[in-house]
Amino acid sequence: MSAADQDWDDGKPERLYVITRGRSGLAEQTTFDLVTLIVSRAQPAPTMQPEHAAILRICGSPLSVAEISAYLRLPMSAVTVLLADLLGEELIEARTRVPQAVLPERALLEAVIHGLQRL
């Protein structure tokens, strides 16, 4: 690894600015949360930004946004910008977490059980 590569990978703010093209993840954070699952729908193109290509490669199986952030060693704000780019181009699919089921009241369940037992 050359000295230039080492400087590029040290996580400086300038690197994040280049990766996101100066955009912040504030608008995209409403779309993605830590547990949103991402699945790639396409193979990376040779002309893609390296981070976009890396996301497409590692998301052959569903990965959460938090896992992608960890694998790429990038902050969530940068990852959400990259994911928004890919989602806009329909290169990935975002699957939101399954909402917790709203269960009926206990009294209703007991009444149904008693009714079934009488049959």
PDB file of N, CA and C in Angstrom:
ATOM      1  N   MET A   1       0.851  -1.173   0.000  1.00  0.00           N
ATOM      2  CA  MET A   1       0.000   0.000   0.000  1.00  0.00           C
ATOM      3  C   MET A   1       0.892   1.230   0.000  1.00  0.00           C
ATOM      4  N   SER A   2       0.627   2.160  -0.896  1.00  0.00           N
ATOM      5  CA  SER A   2       1.450   3.354  -1.008  1.00  0.00           C
ATOM      6  C   SER A   2       1.078   4.367   0.071  1.00  0.00           C
ATOM      7  N   ALA A   3       1.928   5.368   0.235  1.00  0.00           N
ATOM      8  CA  ALA A   3       1.670   6.408   1.230  1.00  0.00           C
ATOM      9  C   ALA A   3       0.398   7.173   0.888  1.00  0.00           C
ATOM     10  N   ALA A   4       0.130   7.359  -0.384  1.00  0.00           N
ATOM     11  CA  ALA A   4      -1.091   8.069  -0.794  1.00  0.00           C
ATOM     12  C   ALA A   4      -2.330   7.286  -0.381  1.00  0.00           C
ATOM     13  N   ASP A   5      -2.279   5.945  -0.509  1.00  0.00           N
ATOM     14  CA  ASP A   5      -3.411   5.116  -0.099  1.00  0.00           C
ATOM     15  C   ASP A   5      -3.619   5.176   1.409  1.00  0.00           C
ATOM     16  N   GLN A   6      -2.533   5.180   2.164  1.00  0.00           N
ATOM     17  CA  GLN A   6      -2.645   5.250   3.610  1.00  0.00           C
ATOM     18  C   GLN A   6      -3.286   6.567   4.037  1.00  0.00           C
ATOM     19  N   ASP A   7      -2.894   7.673   3.400  1.00  0.00           N
ATOM     20  CA  ASP A   7      -3.495   8.967   3.724  1.00  0.00           C
ATOM     21  C   ASP A   7      -4.976   8.969   3.402  1.00  0.00           C
ATOM     22  N   TRP A   8      -5.376   8.298   2.321  1.00  0.00           N
ATOM     23  CA  TRP A   8      -6.773   8.278   1.898  1.00  0.00           C
ATOM     24  C   TRP A   8      -7.643   7.493   2.867  1.00  0.00           C
ATOM     25  N   ASP A   9      -7.111   6.463   3.483  1.00  0.00           N
ATOM     26  CA  ASP A   9      -7.902   5.587   4.335  1.00  0.00           C
ATOM     27  C   ASP A   9      -7.914   5.980   5.801  1.00  0.00           C
ATOM     28  N   ASP A  10      -7.391   7.132   6.165  1.00  0.00           N
ATOM     29  CA  ASP A  10      -7.296   7.430   7.591  1.00  0.00           C
ATOM     30  C   ASP A  10      -8.538   8.081   8.178  1.00  0.00           C
ATOM     31  N   GLY A  11      -9.627   8.197   7.411  1.00  0.00           N
ATOM     32  CA  GLY A  11     -10.886   8.676   7.956  1.00  0.00           C
ATOM     33  C   GLY A  11     -10.964  10.175   8.149  1.00  0.00           C
ATOM     34  N   LYS A  12     -10.149  10.946   7.471  1.00  0.00           N
ATOM     35  CA  LYS A  12     -10.190  12.396   7.600  1.00  0.00           C
ATOM     36  C   LYS A  12     -11.503  12.936   7.035  1.00  0.00           C
ATOM     37  N   PRO A  13     -11.938  14.075   7.549  1.00  0.00           N
ATOM     38  CA  PRO A  13     -13.183  14.671   7.034  1.00  0.00           C
ATOM     39  C   PRO A  13     -13.138  14.972   5.540  1.00  0.00           C
ATOM     40  N   GLU A  14     -11.970  15.285   5.005  1.00  0.00           N
ATOM     41  CA  GLU A  14     -11.851  15.571   3.576  1.00  0.00           C
ATOM     42  C   GLU A  14     -12.241  14.350   2.750  1.00  0.00           C
ATOM     43  N   ARG A  15     -11.882  13.167   3.221  1.00  0.00           N
ATOM     44  CA  ARG A  15     -12.228  11.933   2.518  1.00  0.00           C
ATOM     45  C   ARG A  15     -13.738  11.760   2.470  1.00  0.00           C
ATOM     46  N   LEU A  16     -14.401  11.986   3.591  1.00  0.00           N
ATOM     47  CA  LEU A  16     -15.855  11.850   3.642  1.00  0.00           C
ATOM     48  C   LEU A  16     -16.528  12.875   2.748  1.00  0.00           C
ATOM     49  N   TYR A  17     -15.972  14.072   2.666  1.00  0.00           N
ATOM     50  CA  TYR A  17     -16.513  15.112   1.797  1.00  0.00           C
ATOM     51  C   TYR A  17     -16.441  14.680   0.340  1.00  0.00           C
ATOM     52  N   VAL A  18     -15.327  14.051  -0.033  1.00  0.00           N
ATOM     53  CA  VAL A  18     -15.154  13.579  -1.409  1.00  0.00           C
ATOM     54  C   VAL A  18     -16.104  12.423  -1.693  1.00  0.00           C
ATOM     55  N   ILE A  19     -16.197  11.476  -0.775  1.00  0.00           N
ATOM     56  CA  ILE A  19     -17.055  10.308  -0.971  1.00  0.00           C
ATOM     57  C   ILE A  19     -18.509  10.716  -1.165  1.00  0.00           C
ATOM     58  N   THR A  20     -18.989  11.650  -0.355  1.00  0.00           N
ATOM     59  CA  THR A  20     -20.393  12.058  -0.410  1.00  0.00           C
ATOM     60  C   THR A  20     -20.625  13.236  -1.353  1.00  0.00           C
ATOM     61  N   ARG A  21     -19.582  13.701  -1.973  1.00  0.00           N
ATOM     62  CA  ARG A  21     -19.641  14.884  -2.852  1.00  0.00           C
ATOM     63  C   ARG A  21     -20.222  16.087  -2.117  1.00  0.00           C
ATOM     64  N   GLY A  22     -19.846  16.209  -0.864  1.00  0.00           N
ATOM     65  CA  GLY A  22     -20.239  17.362  -0.068  1.00  0.00           C
ATOM     66  C   GLY A  22     -21.642  17.314   0.493  1.00  0.00           C
ATOM     67  N   ARG A  23     -22.362  16.228   0.274  1.00  0.00           N
ATOM     68  CA  ARG A  23     -23.731  16.125   0.783  1.00  0.00           C
ATOM     69  C   ARG A  23     -23.721  15.536   2.171  1.00  0.00           C
ATOM     70  N   SER A  24     -24.722  15.905   2.956  1.00  0.00           N
ATOM     71  CA  SER A  24     -24.841  15.319   4.293  1.00  0.00           C
ATOM     72  C   SER A  24     -25.935  14.266   4.278  1.00  0.00           C
ATOM     73  N   GLY A  25     -25.947  13.433   5.293  1.00  0.00           N
ATOM     74  CA  GLY A  25     -26.932  12.362   5.369  1.00  0.00           C
ATOM     75  C   GLY A  25     -28.213  12.747   6.069  1.00  0.00           C
ATOM     76  N   LEU A  26     -28.397  14.039   6.365  1.00  0.00           N
ATOM     77  CA  LEU A  26     -29.572  14.438   7.139  1.00  0.00           C
ATOM     78  C   LEU A  26     -30.882  14.092   6.447  1.00  0.00           C
ATOM     79  N   ALA A  27     -30.998  14.372   5.158  1.00  0.00           N
ATOM     80  CA  ALA A  27     -32.258  14.081   4.454  1.00  0.00           C
ATOM     81  C   ALA A  27     -32.460  12.583   4.291  1.00  0.00           C
ATOM     82  N   GLU A  28     -31.364  11.846   4.113  1.00  0.00           N
ATOM     83  CA  GLU A  28     -31.472  10.419   3.881  1.00  0.00           C
ATOM     84  C   GLU A  28     -31.723   9.627   5.158  1.00  0.00           C
ATOM     85  N   GLN A  29     -31.438  10.210   6.324  1.00  0.00           N
ATOM     86  CA  GLN A  29     -31.609   9.462   7.567  1.00  0.00           C
ATOM     87  C   GLN A  29     -33.066   9.110   7.826  1.00  0.00           C
ATOM     88  N   THR A  30     -33.989   9.821   7.210  1.00  0.00           N
ATOM     89  CA  THR A  30     -35.393   9.471   7.401  1.00  0.00           C
ATOM     90  C   THR A  30     -35.741   8.192   6.651  1.00  0.00           C
ATOM     91  N   THR A  31     -34.993   7.878   5.599  1.00  0.00           N
ATOM     92  CA  THR A  31     -35.247   6.687   4.803  1.00  0.00           C
ATOM     93  C   THR A  31     -34.606   5.449   5.424  1.00  0.00           C
ATOM     94  N   PHE A  32     -33.416   5.600   5.954  1.00  0.00           N
ATOM     95  CA  PHE A  32     -32.651   4.469   6.478  1.00  0.00           C
ATOM     96  C   PHE A  32     -32.436   4.622   7.976  1.00  0.00           C
ATOM     97  N   ASP A  33     -32.631   3.518   8.702  1.00  0.00           N
ATOM     98  CA  ASP A  33     -32.220   3.496  10.092  1.00  0.00           C
ATOM     99  C   ASP A  33     -31.203   2.375  10.254  1.00  0.00           C
ATOM    100  N   LEU A  34     -30.734   2.158  11.448  1.00  0.00           N
ATOM    101  CA  LEU A  34     -29.654   1.187  11.673  1.00  0.00           C
ATOM    102  C   LEU A  34     -30.007  -0.229  11.251  1.00  0.00           C
ATOM    103  N   VAL A  35     -31.277  -0.599  11.344  1.00  0.00           N
ATOM    104  CA  VAL A  35     -31.667  -1.983  11.072  1.00  0.00           C
ATOM    105  C   VAL A  35     -32.331  -2.184   9.712  1.00  0.00           C
ATOM    106  N   THR A  36     -32.395  -1.139   8.895  1.00  0.00           N
ATOM    107  CA  THR A  36     -32.927  -1.303   7.546  1.00  0.00           C
ATOM    108  C   THR A  36     -32.035  -2.272   6.791  1.00  0.00           C
ATOM    109  N   LEU A  37     -32.631  -3.281   6.176  1.00  0.00           N
ATOM    110  CA  LEU A  37     -31.854  -4.270   5.428  1.00  0.00           C
ATOM    111  C   LEU A  37     -31.690  -3.811   3.984  1.00  0.00           C
ATOM    112  N   ILE A  38     -30.477  -3.954   3.480  1.00  0.00           N
ATOM    113  CA  ILE A  38     -30.139  -3.544   2.120  1.00  0.00           C
ATOM    114  C   ILE A  38     -29.741  -4.783   1.326  1.00  0.00           C
ATOM    115  N   VAL A  39     -30.301  -4.915   0.125  1.00  0.00           N
ATOM    116  CA  VAL A  39     -29.970  -6.017  -0.782  1.00  0.00           C
ATOM    117  C   VAL A  39     -29.655  -5.411  -2.136  1.00  0.00           C
ATOM    118  N   SER A  40     -28.546  -5.836  -2.729  1.00  0.00           N
ATOM    119  CA  SER A  40     -28.196  -5.310  -4.050  1.00  0.00           C
ATOM    120  C   SER A  40     -29.064  -5.946  -5.114  1.00  0.00           C
ATOM    121  N   ARG A  41     -29.393  -5.158  -6.124  1.00  0.00           N
ATOM    122  CA  ARG A  41     -30.218  -5.624  -7.238  1.00  0.00           C
ATOM    123  C   ARG A  41     -29.417  -5.652  -8.536  1.00  0.00           C
ATOM    124  N   ALA A  42     -28.136  -5.297  -8.458  1.00  0.00           N
ATOM    125  CA  ALA A  42     -27.301  -5.237  -9.657  1.00  0.00           C
ATOM    126  C   ALA A  42     -25.849  -5.493  -9.272  1.00  0.00           C
ATOM    127  N   GLN A  43     -25.062  -5.761 -10.273  1.00  0.00           N
ATOM    128  CA  GLN A  43     -23.625  -5.920 -10.075  1.00  0.00           C
ATOM    129  C   GLN A  43     -22.956  -4.553 -10.246  1.00  0.00           C
ATOM    130  N   PRO A  44     -21.838  -4.328  -9.571  1.00  0.00           N
ATOM    131  CA  PRO A  44     -21.165  -3.044  -9.719  1.00  0.00           C
ATOM    132  C   PRO A  44     -20.621  -2.853 -11.138  1.00  0.00           C
ATOM    133  N   ALA A  45     -20.676  -1.615 -11.610  1.00  0.00           N
ATOM    134  CA  ALA A  45     -20.127  -1.272 -12.917  1.00  0.00           C
ATOM    135  C   ALA A  45     -18.696  -0.784 -12.729  1.00  0.00           C
ATOM    136  N   PRO A  46     -17.838  -0.994 -13.719  1.00  0.00           N
ATOM    137  CA  PRO A  46     -16.438  -0.569 -13.593  1.00  0.00           C
ATOM    138  C   PRO A  46     -16.272   0.937 -13.383  1.00  0.00           C
ATOM    139  N   THR A  47     -17.231   1.722 -13.819  1.00  0.00           N
ATOM    140  CA  THR A  47     -17.108   3.180 -13.707  1.00  0.00           C
ATOM    141  C   THR A  47     -17.687   3.741 -12.413  1.00  0.00           C
ATOM    142  N   MET A  48     -18.182   2.883 -11.540  1.00  0.00           N
ATOM    143  CA  MET A  48     -18.805   3.332 -10.293  1.00  0.00           C
ATOM    144  C   MET A  48     -17.782   3.845  -9.302  1.00  0.00           C
ATOM    145  N   GLN A  49     -18.273   4.699  -8.427  1.00  0.00           N
ATOM    146  CA  GLN A  49     -17.484   5.137  -7.282  1.00  0.00           C
ATOM    147  C   GLN A  49     -17.151   3.891  -6.455  1.00  0.00           C
ATOM    148  N   PRO A  50     -15.937   3.752  -5.958  1.00  0.00           N
ATOM    149  CA  PRO A  50     -15.533   2.522  -5.246  1.00  0.00           C
ATOM    150  C   PRO A  50     -16.443   2.150  -4.078  1.00  0.00           C
ATOM    151  N   GLU A  51     -16.925   3.137  -3.342  1.00  0.00           N
ATOM    152  CA  GLU A  51     -17.787   2.851  -2.196  1.00  0.00           C
ATOM    153  C   GLU A  51     -19.148   2.316  -2.646  1.00  0.00           C
ATOM    154  N   HIS A  52     -19.677   2.856  -3.732  1.00  0.00           N
ATOM    155  CA  HIS A  52     -20.933   2.333  -4.277  1.00  0.00           C
ATOM    156  C   HIS A  52     -20.751   0.881  -4.716  1.00  0.00           C
ATOM    157  N   ALA A  53     -19.657   0.616  -5.409  1.00  0.00           N
ATOM    158  CA  ALA A  53     -19.375  -0.743  -5.872  1.00  0.00           C
ATOM    159  C   ALA A  53     -19.214  -1.697  -4.691  1.00  0.00           C
ATOM    160  N   ALA A  54     -18.556  -1.241  -3.637  1.00  0.00           N
ATOM    161  CA  ALA A  54     -18.359  -2.084  -2.458  1.00  0.00           C
ATOM    162  C   ALA A  54     -19.697  -2.436  -1.815  1.00  0.00           C
ATOM    163  N   ILE A  55     -20.594  -1.477  -1.749  1.00  0.00           N
ATOM    164  CA  ILE A  55     -21.919  -1.747  -1.170  1.00  0.00           C
ATOM    165  C   ILE A  55     -22.641  -2.805  -1.993  1.00  0.00           C
ATOM    166  N   LEU A  56     -22.601  -2.669  -3.318  1.00  0.00           N
ATOM    167  CA  LEU A  56     -23.280  -3.652  -4.167  1.00  0.00           C
ATOM    168  C   LEU A  56     -22.668  -5.039  -4.017  1.00  0.00           C
ATOM    169  N   ARG A  57     -21.345  -5.100  -3.854  1.00  0.00           N
ATOM    170  CA  ARG A  57     -20.686  -6.402  -3.700  1.00  0.00           C
ATOM    171  C   ARG A  57     -21.045  -7.069  -2.379  1.00  0.00           C
ATOM    172  N   ILE A  58     -21.036  -6.322  -1.296  1.00  0.00           N
ATOM    173  CA  ILE A  58     -21.249  -6.959   0.007  1.00  0.00           C
ATOM    174  C   ILE A  58     -22.719  -7.209   0.318  1.00  0.00           C
ATOM    175  N   CYS A  59     -23.616  -6.595  -0.434  1.00  0.00           N
ATOM    176  CA  CYS A  59     -25.050  -6.749  -0.149  1.00  0.00           C
ATOM    177  C   CYS A  59     -25.717  -7.787  -1.039  1.00  0.00           C
ATOM    178  N   GLY A  60     -24.989  -8.804  -1.463  1.00  0.00           N
ATOM    179  CA  GLY A  60     -25.602  -9.917  -2.173  1.00  0.00           C
ATOM    180  C   GLY A  60     -26.615 -10.615  -1.278  1.00  0.00           C
ATOM    181  N   SER A  61     -26.300 -10.675  -0.004  1.00  0.00           N
ATOM    182  CA  SER A  61     -27.229 -11.138   1.036  1.00  0.00           C
ATOM    183  C   SER A  61     -27.626  -9.906   1.836  1.00  0.00           C
ATOM    184  N   PRO A  62     -28.817  -9.904   2.415  1.00  0.00           N
ATOM    185  CA  PRO A  62     -29.249  -8.712   3.149  1.00  0.00           C
ATOM    186  C   PRO A  62     -28.299  -8.348   4.278  1.00  0.00           C
ATOM    187  N   LEU A  63     -27.950  -7.074   4.330  1.00  0.00           N
ATOM    188  CA  LEU A  63     -27.135  -6.530   5.414  1.00  0.00           C
ATOM    189  C   LEU A  63     -27.822  -5.286   5.950  1.00  0.00           C
ATOM    190  N   SER A  64     -27.702  -5.077   7.241  1.00  0.00           N
ATOM    191  CA  SER A  64     -28.269  -3.862   7.831  1.00  0.00           C
ATOM    192  C   SER A  64     -27.369  -2.677   7.511  1.00  0.00           C
ATOM    193  N   VAL A  65     -27.927  -1.492   7.624  1.00  0.00           N
ATOM    194  CA  VAL A  65     -27.158  -0.274   7.384  1.00  0.00           C
ATOM    195  C   VAL A  65     -25.995  -0.194   8.366  1.00  0.00           C
ATOM    196  N   ALA A  66     -26.214  -0.617   9.596  1.00  0.00           N
ATOM    197  CA  ALA A  66     -25.146  -0.614  10.601  1.00  0.00           C
ATOM    198  C   ALA A  66     -23.999  -1.535  10.185  1.00  0.00           C
ATOM    199  N   GLU A  67     -24.327  -2.709   9.637  1.00  0.00           N
ATOM    200  CA  GLU A  67     -23.283  -3.642   9.195  1.00  0.00           C
ATOM    201  C   GLU A  67     -22.504  -3.065   8.015  1.00  0.00           C
ATOM    202  N   ILE A  68     -23.209  -2.437   7.091  1.00  0.00           N
ATOM    203  CA  ILE A  68     -22.534  -1.824   5.938  1.00  0.00           C
ATOM    204  C   ILE A  68     -21.575  -0.744   6.423  1.00  0.00           C
ATOM    205  N   SER A  69     -22.035   0.069   7.359  1.00  0.00           N
ATOM    206  CA  SER A  69     -21.192   1.118   7.921  1.00  0.00           C
ATOM    207  C   SER A  69     -19.931   0.527   8.553  1.00  0.00           C
ATOM    208  N   ALA A  70     -20.097  -0.570   9.277  1.00  0.00           N
ATOM    209  CA  ALA A  70     -18.945  -1.213   9.917  1.00  0.00           C
ATOM    210  C   ALA A  70     -17.991  -1.822   8.892  1.00  0.00           C
ATOM    211  N   TYR A  71     -18.542  -2.526   7.893  1.00  0.00           N
ATOM    212  CA  TYR A  71     -17.683  -3.149   6.879  1.00  0.00           C
ATOM    213  C   TYR A  71     -16.904  -2.113   6.081  1.00  0.00           C
ATOM    214  N   LEU A  72     -17.541  -1.000   5.754  1.00  0.00           N
ATOM    215  CA  LEU A  72     -16.869   0.033   4.962  1.00  0.00           C
ATOM    216  C   LEU A  72     -16.032   0.982   5.814  1.00  0.00           C
ATOM    217  N   ARG A  73     -16.200   0.886   7.133  1.00  0.00           N
ATOM    218  CA  ARG A  73     -15.506   1.768   8.069  1.00  0.00           C
ATOM    219  C   ARG A  73     -15.801   3.228   7.757  1.00  0.00           C
ATOM    220  N   LEU A  74     -17.084   3.487   7.550  1.00  0.00           N
ATOM    221  CA  LEU A  74     -17.563   4.839   7.270  1.00  0.00           C
ATOM    222  C   LEU A  74     -18.660   5.180   8.267  1.00  0.00           C
ATOM    223  N   PRO A  75     -18.807   6.459   8.607  1.00  0.00           N
ATOM    224  CA  PRO A  75     -19.895   6.839   9.516  1.00  0.00           C
ATOM    225  C   PRO A  75     -21.252   6.656   8.859  1.00  0.00           C
ATOM    226  N   MET A  76     -22.269   6.508   9.681  1.00  0.00           N
ATOM    227  CA  MET A  76     -23.629   6.299   9.185  1.00  0.00           C
ATOM    228  C   MET A  76     -24.063   7.415   8.242  1.00  0.00           C
ATOM    229  N   SER A  77     -23.687   8.649   8.550  1.00  0.00           N
ATOM    230  CA  SER A  77     -24.117   9.775   7.712  1.00  0.00           C
ATOM    231  C   SER A  77     -23.601   9.621   6.287  1.00  0.00           C
ATOM    232  N   ALA A  78     -22.370   9.166   6.125  1.00  0.00           N
ATOM    233  CA  ALA A  78     -21.812   8.963   4.784  1.00  0.00           C
ATOM    234  C   ALA A  78     -22.470   7.765   4.102  1.00  0.00           C
ATOM    235  N   VAL A  79     -22.705   6.697   4.855  1.00  0.00           N
ATOM    236  CA  VAL A  79     -23.322   5.497   4.280  1.00  0.00           C
ATOM    237  C   VAL A  79     -24.742   5.784   3.810  1.00  0.00           C
ATOM    238  N   THR A  80     -25.496   6.577   4.569  1.00  0.00           N
ATOM    239  CA  THR A  80     -26.867   6.871   4.151  1.00  0.00           C
ATOM    240  C   THR A  80     -26.893   7.696   2.866  1.00  0.00           C
ATOM    241  N   VAL A  81     -25.909   8.562   2.668  1.00  0.00           N
ATOM    242  CA  VAL A  81     -25.828   9.318   1.408  1.00  0.00           C
ATOM    243  C   VAL A  81     -25.560   8.363   0.251  1.00  0.00           C
ATOM    244  N   LEU A  82     -24.618   7.450   0.444  1.00  0.00           N
ATOM    245  CA  LEU A  82     -24.287   6.479  -0.606  1.00  0.00           C
ATOM    246  C   LEU A  82     -25.475   5.568  -0.907  1.00  0.00           C
ATOM    247  N   LEU A  83     -26.156   5.123   0.140  1.00  0.00           N
ATOM    248  CA  LEU A  83     -27.323   4.258  -0.063  1.00  0.00           C
ATOM    249  C   LEU A  83     -28.450   4.995  -0.781  1.00  0.00           C
ATOM    250  N   ALA A  84     -28.633   6.268  -0.465  1.00  0.00           N
ATOM    251  CA  ALA A  84     -29.664   7.054  -1.149  1.00  0.00           C
ATOM    252  C   ALA A  84     -29.357   7.165  -2.637  1.00  0.00           C
ATOM    253  N   ASP A  85     -28.065   7.306  -2.985  1.00  0.00           N
ATOM    254  CA  ASP A  85     -27.670   7.338  -4.399  1.00  0.00           C
ATOM    255  C   ASP A  85     -28.067   6.037  -5.088  1.00  0.00           C
ATOM    256  N   LEU A  86     -27.706   4.925  -4.459  1.00  0.00           N
ATOM    257  CA  LEU A  86     -27.975   3.610  -5.055  1.00  0.00           C
ATOM    258  C   LEU A  86     -29.473   3.317  -5.114  1.00  0.00           C
ATOM    259  N   LEU A  87     -30.203   3.724  -4.099  1.00  0.00           N
ATOM    260  CA  LEU A  87     -31.649   3.517  -4.096  1.00  0.00           C
ATOM    261  C   LEU A  87     -32.311   4.343  -5.197  1.00  0.00           C
ATOM    262  N   GLY A  88     -31.829   5.557  -5.387  1.00  0.00           N
ATOM    263  CA  GLY A  88     -32.357   6.416  -6.438  1.00  0.00           C
ATOM    264  C   GLY A  88     -32.140   5.839  -7.831  1.00  0.00           C
ATOM    265  N   GLU A  89     -31.052   5.109  -8.003  1.00  0.00           N
ATOM    266  CA  GLU A  89     -30.753   4.465  -9.285  1.00  0.00           C
ATOM    267  C   GLU A  89     -31.336   3.053  -9.361  1.00  0.00           C
ATOM    268  N   GLU A  90     -32.070   2.648  -8.328  1.00  0.00           N
ATOM    269  CA  GLU A  90     -32.697   1.327  -8.226  1.00  0.00           C
ATOM    270  C   GLU A  90     -31.683   0.184  -8.321  1.00  0.00           C
ATOM    271  N   LEU A  91     -30.510   0.410  -7.742  1.00  0.00           N
ATOM    272  CA  LEU A  91     -29.472  -0.620  -7.724  1.00  0.00           C
ATOM    273  C   LEU A  91     -29.507  -1.438  -6.440  1.00  0.00           C
ATOM    274  N   ILE A  92     -30.242  -0.938  -5.444  1.00  0.00           N
ATOM    275  CA  ILE A  92     -30.416  -1.672  -4.193  1.00  0.00           C
ATOM    276  C   ILE A  92     -31.899  -1.662  -3.832  1.00  0.00           C
ATOM    277  N   GLU A  93     -32.236  -2.560  -2.922  1.00  0.00           N
ATOM    278  CA  GLU A  93     -33.583  -2.613  -2.362  1.00  0.00           C
ATOM    279  C   GLU A  93     -33.443  -2.433  -0.858  1.00  0.00           C
ATOM    280  N   ALA A  94     -34.238  -1.556  -0.288  1.00  0.00           N
ATOM    281  CA  ALA A  94     -34.213  -1.321   1.154  1.00  0.00           C
ATOM    282  C   ALA A  94     -35.444  -1.964   1.766  1.00  0.00           C
ATOM    283  N   ARG A  95     -35.218  -2.822   2.734  1.00  0.00           N
ATOM    284  CA  ARG A  95     -36.313  -3.504   3.429  1.00  0.00           C
ATOM    285  C   ARG A  95     -36.350  -2.993   4.862  1.00  0.00           C
ATOM    286  N   THR A  96     -37.426  -2.320   5.187  1.00  0.00           N
ATOM    287  CA  THR A  96     -37.543  -1.801   6.540  1.00  0.00           C
ATOM    288  C   THR A  96     -37.830  -2.941   7.506  1.00  0.00           C
ATOM    289  N   ARG A  97     -37.544  -2.685   8.747  1.00  0.00           N
ATOM    290  CA  ARG A  97     -37.782  -3.718   9.748  1.00  0.00           C
ATOM    291  C   ARG A  97     -39.271  -4.006   9.858  1.00  0.00           C
ATOM    292  N   VAL A  98     -39.577  -5.182  10.282  1.00  0.00           N
ATOM    293  CA  VAL A  98     -40.966  -5.587  10.451  1.00  0.00           C
ATOM    294  C   VAL A  98     -41.491  -4.913  11.718  1.00  0.00           C
ATOM    295  N   PRO A  99     -42.583  -4.169  11.604  1.00  0.00           N
ATOM    296  CA  PRO A  99     -43.099  -3.501  12.802  1.00  0.00           C
ATOM    297  C   PRO A  99     -43.608  -4.524  13.811  1.00  0.00           C
ATOM    298  N   GLN A 100     -43.504  -4.160  15.069  1.00  0.00           N
ATOM    299  CA  GLN A 100     -43.986  -5.039  16.128  1.00  0.00           C
ATOM    300  C   GLN A 100     -45.497  -5.175  16.008  1.00  0.00           C
ATOM    301  N   ALA A 101     -45.957  -6.388  16.105  1.00  0.00           N
ATOM    302  CA  ALA A 101     -47.388  -6.655  15.951  1.00  0.00           C
ATOM    303  C   ALA A 101     -48.167  -6.037  17.104  1.00  0.00           C
ATOM    304  N   VAL A 102     -49.323  -5.518  16.767  1.00  0.00           N
ATOM    305  CA  VAL A 102     -50.222  -5.006  17.788  1.00  0.00           C
ATOM    306  C   VAL A 102     -51.167  -6.146  18.148  1.00  0.00           C
ATOM    307  N   LEU A 103     -51.041  -6.609  19.360  1.00  0.00           N
ATOM    308  CA  LEU A 103     -51.845  -7.748  19.809  1.00  0.00           C
ATOM    309  C   LEU A 103     -53.150  -7.263  20.419  1.00  0.00           C
ATOM    310  N   PRO A 104     -54.197  -8.054  20.265  1.00  0.00           N
ATOM    311  CA  PRO A 104     -55.469  -7.681  20.906  1.00  0.00           C
ATOM    312  C   PRO A 104     -55.343  -7.795  22.418  1.00  0.00           C
ATOM    313  N   GLU A 105     -56.294  -7.213  23.078  1.00  0.00           N
ATOM    314  CA  GLU A 105     -56.287  -7.243  24.542  1.00  0.00           C
ATOM    315  C   GLU A 105     -56.418  -8.678  25.046  1.00  0.00           C
ATOM    316  N   ARG A 106     -55.870  -8.901  26.214  1.00  0.00           N
ATOM    317  CA  ARG A 106     -55.880 -10.235  26.812  1.00  0.00           C
ATOM    318  C   ARG A 106     -57.310 -10.739  27.033  1.00  0.00           C
ATOM    319  N   ALA A 107     -58.207  -9.852  27.450  1.00  0.00           N
ATOM    320  CA  ALA A 107     -59.596 -10.250  27.728  1.00  0.00           C
ATOM    321  C   ALA A 107     -60.267 -10.783  26.464  1.00  0.00           C
ATOM    322  N   LEU A 108     -59.984 -10.168  25.321  1.00  0.00           N
ATOM    323  CA  LEU A 108     -60.559 -10.627  24.062  1.00  0.00           C
ATOM    324  C   LEU A 108     -60.033 -12.017  23.707  1.00  0.00           C
ATOM    325  N   LEU A 109     -58.746 -12.234  23.884  1.00  0.00           N
ATOM    326  CA  LEU A 109     -58.162 -13.548  23.597  1.00  0.00           C
ATOM    327  C   LEU A 109     -58.755 -14.624  24.504  1.00  0.00           C
ATOM    328  N   GLU A 110     -58.926 -14.299  25.768  1.00  0.00           N
ATOM    329  CA  GLU A 110     -59.511 -15.275  26.699  1.00  0.00           C
ATOM    330  C   GLU A 110     -60.958 -15.588  26.326  1.00  0.00           C
ATOM    331  N   ALA A 111     -61.700 -14.586  25.878  1.00  0.00           N
ATOM    332  CA  ALA A 111     -63.086 -14.810  25.483  1.00  0.00           C
ATOM    333  C   ALA A 111     -63.154 -15.714  24.254  1.00  0.00           C
ATOM    334  N   VAL A 112     -62.240 -15.517  23.320  1.00  0.00           N
ATOM    335  CA  VAL A 112     -62.201 -16.374  22.125  1.00  0.00           C
ATOM    336  C   VAL A 112     -61.848 -17.798  22.513  1.00  0.00           C
ATOM    337  N   ILE A 113     -60.870 -17.958  23.396  1.00  0.00           N
ATOM    338  CA  ILE A 113     -60.468 -19.300  23.832  1.00  0.00           C
ATOM    339  C   ILE A 113     -61.635 -20.014  24.525  1.00  0.00           C
ATOM    340  N   HIS A 114     -62.327 -19.306  25.418  1.00  0.00           N
ATOM    341  CA  HIS A 114     -63.469 -19.908  26.121  1.00  0.00           C
ATOM    342  C   HIS A 114     -64.572 -20.262  25.137  1.00  0.00           C
ATOM    343  N   GLY A 115     -64.797 -19.409  24.162  1.00  0.00           N
ATOM    344  CA  GLY A 115     -65.811 -19.688  23.146  1.00  0.00           C
ATOM    345  C   GLY A 115     -65.458 -20.925  22.333  1.00  0.00           C
ATOM    346  N   LEU A 116     -64.198 -21.090  21.981  1.00  0.00           N
ATOM    347  CA  LEU A 116     -63.761 -22.260  21.224  1.00  0.00           C
ATOM    348  C   LEU A 116     -63.850 -23.539  22.065  1.00  0.00           C
ATOM    349  N   GLN A 117     -63.571 -23.420  23.356  1.00  0.00           N
ATOM    350  CA  GLN A 117     -63.639 -24.592  24.232  1.00  0.00           C
ATOM    351  C   GLN A 117     -65.077 -25.088  24.398  1.00  0.00           C
ATOM    352  N   ARG A 118     -66.044 -24.195  24.286  1.00  0.00           N
ATOM    353  CA  ARG A 118     -67.457 -24.582  24.426  1.00  0.00           C
ATOM    354  C   ARG A 118     -67.975 -25.291  23.181  1.00  0.00           C
ATOM    355  N   LEU A 119     -67.287 -25.178  22.081  1.00  0.00           N
ATOM    356  CA  LEU A 119     -67.765 -25.818  20.856  1.00  0.00           C
ATOM    357  C   LEU A 119     -67.633 -27.291  20.924  1.00  0.00           C
TER     358      LEU A 119
END
